[in-house]
Every structure is written in C-alpha cells, then in structure tokens.
Amino acid sequence: MSYAYKLNEDVRHQPQGPQGRATTEPPMVYTIIQHMPIESDGRVRYRIRAKSEKIERVVTEDQLSYFQ
C-alpha cells in the first residue's frame, strides 16, 4: 500500500469525535510532515502539523482530504 499524500502537502483534516463519530467542527488545514508506519490492519498514517496553530497529530488517511 502506498501513501496518497506527499510530504509538505497541504491537506484538510476532518476531526472525529468519540468512537469515530462525526463532529461539528470545521476541517482545519494541516501540512504532511511525516509518513508513519502502516498499521497492522493496513491503515496508512501520517504526522500532520496545523497551519494556524502549533498542533501536531498522527492521523489515518481516511481522515484527510486534498486542500484546494
């Protein structure tokens, strides 16, 4: 399995609530800063950094979308 997003690419992250529920918060713009090891169940992970705040997260690819 390969990574869909490149390093230093801007993406939107849709936060999830408890147990994967959707939240009412709008998606934030982040930059891909690291490709993380792929999880044992095959999910691709990334380390991302917020553009507007000093926040870093590790997220799975299904939580991201391209930023236009």
N, C-alpha and C. Protein backbone atom coordinates (compact mmCIF):
# COMPACT_ATOMS: atom_id res chain seq x y z
N MET A 1 0.85 -1.18 0.00
CA MET A 1 0.00 0.00 0.00
C MET A 1 0.90 1.24 0.00
N SER A 2 0.52 2.23 -0.75
CA SER A 2 1.34 3.44 -0.84
C SER A 2 0.62 4.64 -0.23
N TYR A 3 1.37 5.70 -0.05
CA TYR A 3 0.84 6.93 0.55
C TYR A 3 0.19 7.80 -0.53
N ALA A 4 -1.00 8.28 -0.27
CA ALA A 4 -1.72 9.12 -1.23
C ALA A 4 -1.24 10.57 -1.18
N TYR A 5 -0.72 11.01 -0.03
CA TYR A 5 -0.31 12.40 0.15
C TYR A 5 1.21 12.48 0.27
N LYS A 6 1.78 13.55 -0.26
CA LYS A 6 3.23 13.75 -0.25
C LYS A 6 3.64 14.60 0.93
N LEU A 7 4.92 14.51 1.30
CA LEU A 7 5.46 15.36 2.35
C LEU A 7 5.32 16.82 1.95
N ASN A 8 5.05 17.69 2.90
CA ASN A 8 4.85 19.14 2.72
C ASN A 8 3.60 19.50 1.93
N GLU A 9 2.71 18.55 1.71
CA GLU A 9 1.46 18.83 1.01
C GLU A 9 0.42 19.31 2.02
N ASP A 10 -0.37 20.31 1.63
CA ASP A 10 -1.44 20.82 2.48
C ASP A 10 -2.68 19.96 2.31
N VAL A 11 -3.29 19.59 3.44
CA VAL A 11 -4.48 18.74 3.43
C VAL A 11 -5.50 19.29 4.43
N ARG A 12 -6.72 18.83 4.31
CA ARG A 12 -7.75 19.14 5.30
C ARG A 12 -7.91 17.91 6.19
N HIS A 13 -8.03 18.17 7.49
CA HIS A 13 -8.27 17.10 8.45
C HIS A 13 -9.65 17.27 9.04
N GLN A 14 -10.47 16.24 8.91
CA GLN A 14 -11.81 16.26 9.50
C GLN A 14 -11.74 15.58 10.85
N PRO A 15 -11.83 16.36 11.94
CA PRO A 15 -11.75 15.75 13.27
C PRO A 15 -12.91 14.78 13.50
N GLN A 16 -12.64 13.79 14.33
CA GLN A 16 -13.67 12.83 14.70
C GLN A 16 -13.91 12.91 16.19
N GLY A 17 -15.14 12.69 16.57
CA GLY A 17 -15.49 12.68 17.98
C GLY A 17 -15.23 11.31 18.59
N PRO A 18 -15.75 11.08 19.77
CA PRO A 18 -15.56 9.79 20.43
C PRO A 18 -16.07 8.63 19.58
N GLN A 19 -15.31 7.57 19.55
CA GLN A 19 -15.66 6.34 18.83
C GLN A 19 -15.92 6.59 17.35
N GLY A 20 -15.18 7.55 16.75
CA GLY A 20 -15.27 7.80 15.31
C GLY A 20 -16.49 8.56 14.85
N ARG A 21 -17.25 9.13 15.77
CA ARG A 21 -18.42 9.90 15.36
C ARG A 21 -18.00 11.21 14.73
N ALA A 22 -18.79 11.70 13.81
CA ALA A 22 -18.51 12.98 13.17
C ALA A 22 -18.68 14.11 14.17
N THR A 23 -17.89 15.17 14.01
CA THR A 23 -18.03 16.34 14.88
C THR A 23 -18.56 17.51 14.07
N THR A 24 -18.97 18.55 14.76
CA THR A 24 -19.48 19.73 14.08
C THR A 24 -18.38 20.75 13.78
N GLU A 25 -17.15 20.45 14.23
CA GLU A 25 -16.04 21.36 13.97
C GLU A 25 -15.70 21.35 12.48
N PRO A 26 -15.38 22.51 11.93
CA PRO A 26 -14.98 22.53 10.51
C PRO A 26 -13.60 21.91 10.34
N PRO A 27 -13.31 21.36 9.15
CA PRO A 27 -11.99 20.80 8.91
C PRO A 27 -10.91 21.89 8.97
N MET A 28 -9.72 21.56 9.48
CA MET A 28 -8.61 22.51 9.55
C MET A 28 -7.57 22.14 8.49
N VAL A 29 -6.75 23.11 8.12
CA VAL A 29 -5.69 22.88 7.14
C VAL A 29 -4.42 22.50 7.87
N TYR A 30 -3.81 21.40 7.44
CA TYR A 30 -2.59 20.88 8.01
C TYR A 30 -1.58 20.62 6.89
N THR A 31 -0.33 20.43 7.27
CA THR A 31 0.74 20.06 6.34
C THR A 31 1.25 18.68 6.72
N ILE A 32 1.45 17.82 5.73
CA ILE A 32 2.02 16.50 5.97
C ILE A 32 3.49 16.68 6.32
N ILE A 33 3.91 16.22 7.50
CA ILE A 33 5.31 16.38 7.87
C ILE A 33 6.06 15.05 7.96
N GLN A 34 5.31 13.92 8.02
CA GLN A 34 5.99 12.63 8.09
C GLN A 34 5.04 11.52 7.68
N HIS A 35 5.56 10.56 6.92
CA HIS A 35 4.84 9.33 6.65
C HIS A 35 5.13 8.39 7.82
N MET A 36 4.09 7.90 8.46
CA MET A 36 4.23 7.00 9.60
C MET A 36 4.14 5.55 9.12
N PRO A 37 4.63 4.61 9.92
CA PRO A 37 4.49 3.19 9.53
C PRO A 37 3.02 2.83 9.34
N ILE A 38 2.77 1.94 8.39
CA ILE A 38 1.41 1.48 8.12
C ILE A 38 1.00 0.54 9.25
N GLU A 39 -0.22 0.72 9.75
CA GLU A 39 -0.72 -0.09 10.85
C GLU A 39 -0.90 -1.55 10.44
N SER A 40 -0.97 -2.43 11.40
CA SER A 40 -1.09 -3.87 11.11
C SER A 40 -2.37 -4.21 10.34
N ASP A 41 -3.39 -3.37 10.48
CA ASP A 41 -4.64 -3.62 9.74
C ASP A 41 -4.63 -2.97 8.36
N GLY A 42 -3.48 -2.39 7.96
CA GLY A 42 -3.33 -1.83 6.62
C GLY A 42 -3.64 -0.35 6.50
N ARG A 43 -4.03 0.31 7.59
CA ARG A 43 -4.36 1.73 7.50
C ARG A 43 -3.08 2.56 7.41
N VAL A 44 -3.08 3.50 6.48
CA VAL A 44 -1.94 4.39 6.26
C VAL A 44 -2.04 5.57 7.22
N ARG A 45 -0.91 5.93 7.87
CA ARG A 45 -0.92 7.01 8.85
C ARG A 45 0.07 8.10 8.46
N TYR A 46 -0.23 9.31 8.91
CA TYR A 46 0.60 10.49 8.66
C TYR A 46 0.75 11.30 9.94
N ARG A 47 1.87 12.00 10.07
CA ARG A 47 2.01 13.04 11.10
C ARG A 47 1.75 14.35 10.38
N ILE A 48 0.84 15.15 10.93
CA ILE A 48 0.47 16.42 10.31
C ILE A 48 0.65 17.55 11.30
N ARG A 49 0.86 18.77 10.79
CA ARG A 49 1.02 19.96 11.62
C ARG A 49 0.05 21.02 11.13
N ALA A 50 -0.66 21.65 12.07
CA ALA A 50 -1.64 22.69 11.74
C ALA A 50 -0.94 23.91 11.17
N LYS A 51 -1.58 24.56 10.20
CA LYS A 51 -1.05 25.78 9.61
C LYS A 51 -1.25 26.97 10.54
N SER A 52 -2.36 26.98 11.28
CA SER A 52 -2.71 28.16 12.08
C SER A 52 -2.31 28.07 13.54
N GLU A 53 -2.00 26.88 14.04
CA GLU A 53 -1.67 26.70 15.45
C GLU A 53 -0.49 25.75 15.56
N LYS A 54 0.08 25.64 16.76
CA LYS A 54 1.19 24.71 16.97
C LYS A 54 0.64 23.37 17.44
N ILE A 55 -0.06 22.70 16.54
CA ILE A 55 -0.66 21.41 16.85
C ILE A 55 -0.12 20.38 15.87
N GLU A 56 0.30 19.23 16.39
CA GLU A 56 0.68 18.09 15.56
C GLU A 56 -0.20 16.92 15.94
N ARG A 57 -0.52 16.11 14.94
CA ARG A 57 -1.36 14.94 15.17
C ARG A 57 -0.85 13.78 14.31
N VAL A 58 -1.18 12.58 14.72
CA VAL A 58 -0.99 11.40 13.88
C VAL A 58 -2.39 10.95 13.50
N VAL A 59 -2.64 10.87 12.19
CA VAL A 59 -3.99 10.55 11.71
C VAL A 59 -3.91 9.48 10.63
N THR A 60 -5.03 8.84 10.39
CA THR A 60 -5.11 7.87 9.30
C THR A 60 -5.55 8.58 8.03
N GLU A 61 -5.24 7.96 6.91
CA GLU A 61 -5.50 8.58 5.62
C GLU A 61 -6.99 8.88 5.39
N ASP A 62 -7.87 8.08 5.95
CA ASP A 62 -9.31 8.30 5.75
C ASP A 62 -9.83 9.56 6.44
N GLN A 63 -9.03 10.17 7.30
CA GLN A 63 -9.43 11.42 7.96
C GLN A 63 -8.98 12.65 7.17
N LEU A 64 -8.27 12.44 6.07
CA LEU A 64 -7.71 13.56 5.30
C LEU A 64 -8.40 13.70 3.96
N SER A 65 -8.32 14.91 3.41
CA SER A 65 -8.77 15.18 2.04
C SER A 65 -7.87 16.26 1.46
N TYR A 66 -7.84 16.33 0.14
CA TYR A 66 -6.99 17.31 -0.53
C TYR A 66 -7.47 18.72 -0.24
N PHE A 67 -6.53 19.64 -0.08
CA PHE A 67 -6.84 21.05 0.13
C PHE A 67 -6.73 21.76 -1.20
N GLN A 68 -7.78 22.44 -1.62
CA GLN A 68 -7.78 23.15 -2.92
C GLN A 68 -7.37 24.58 -2.72
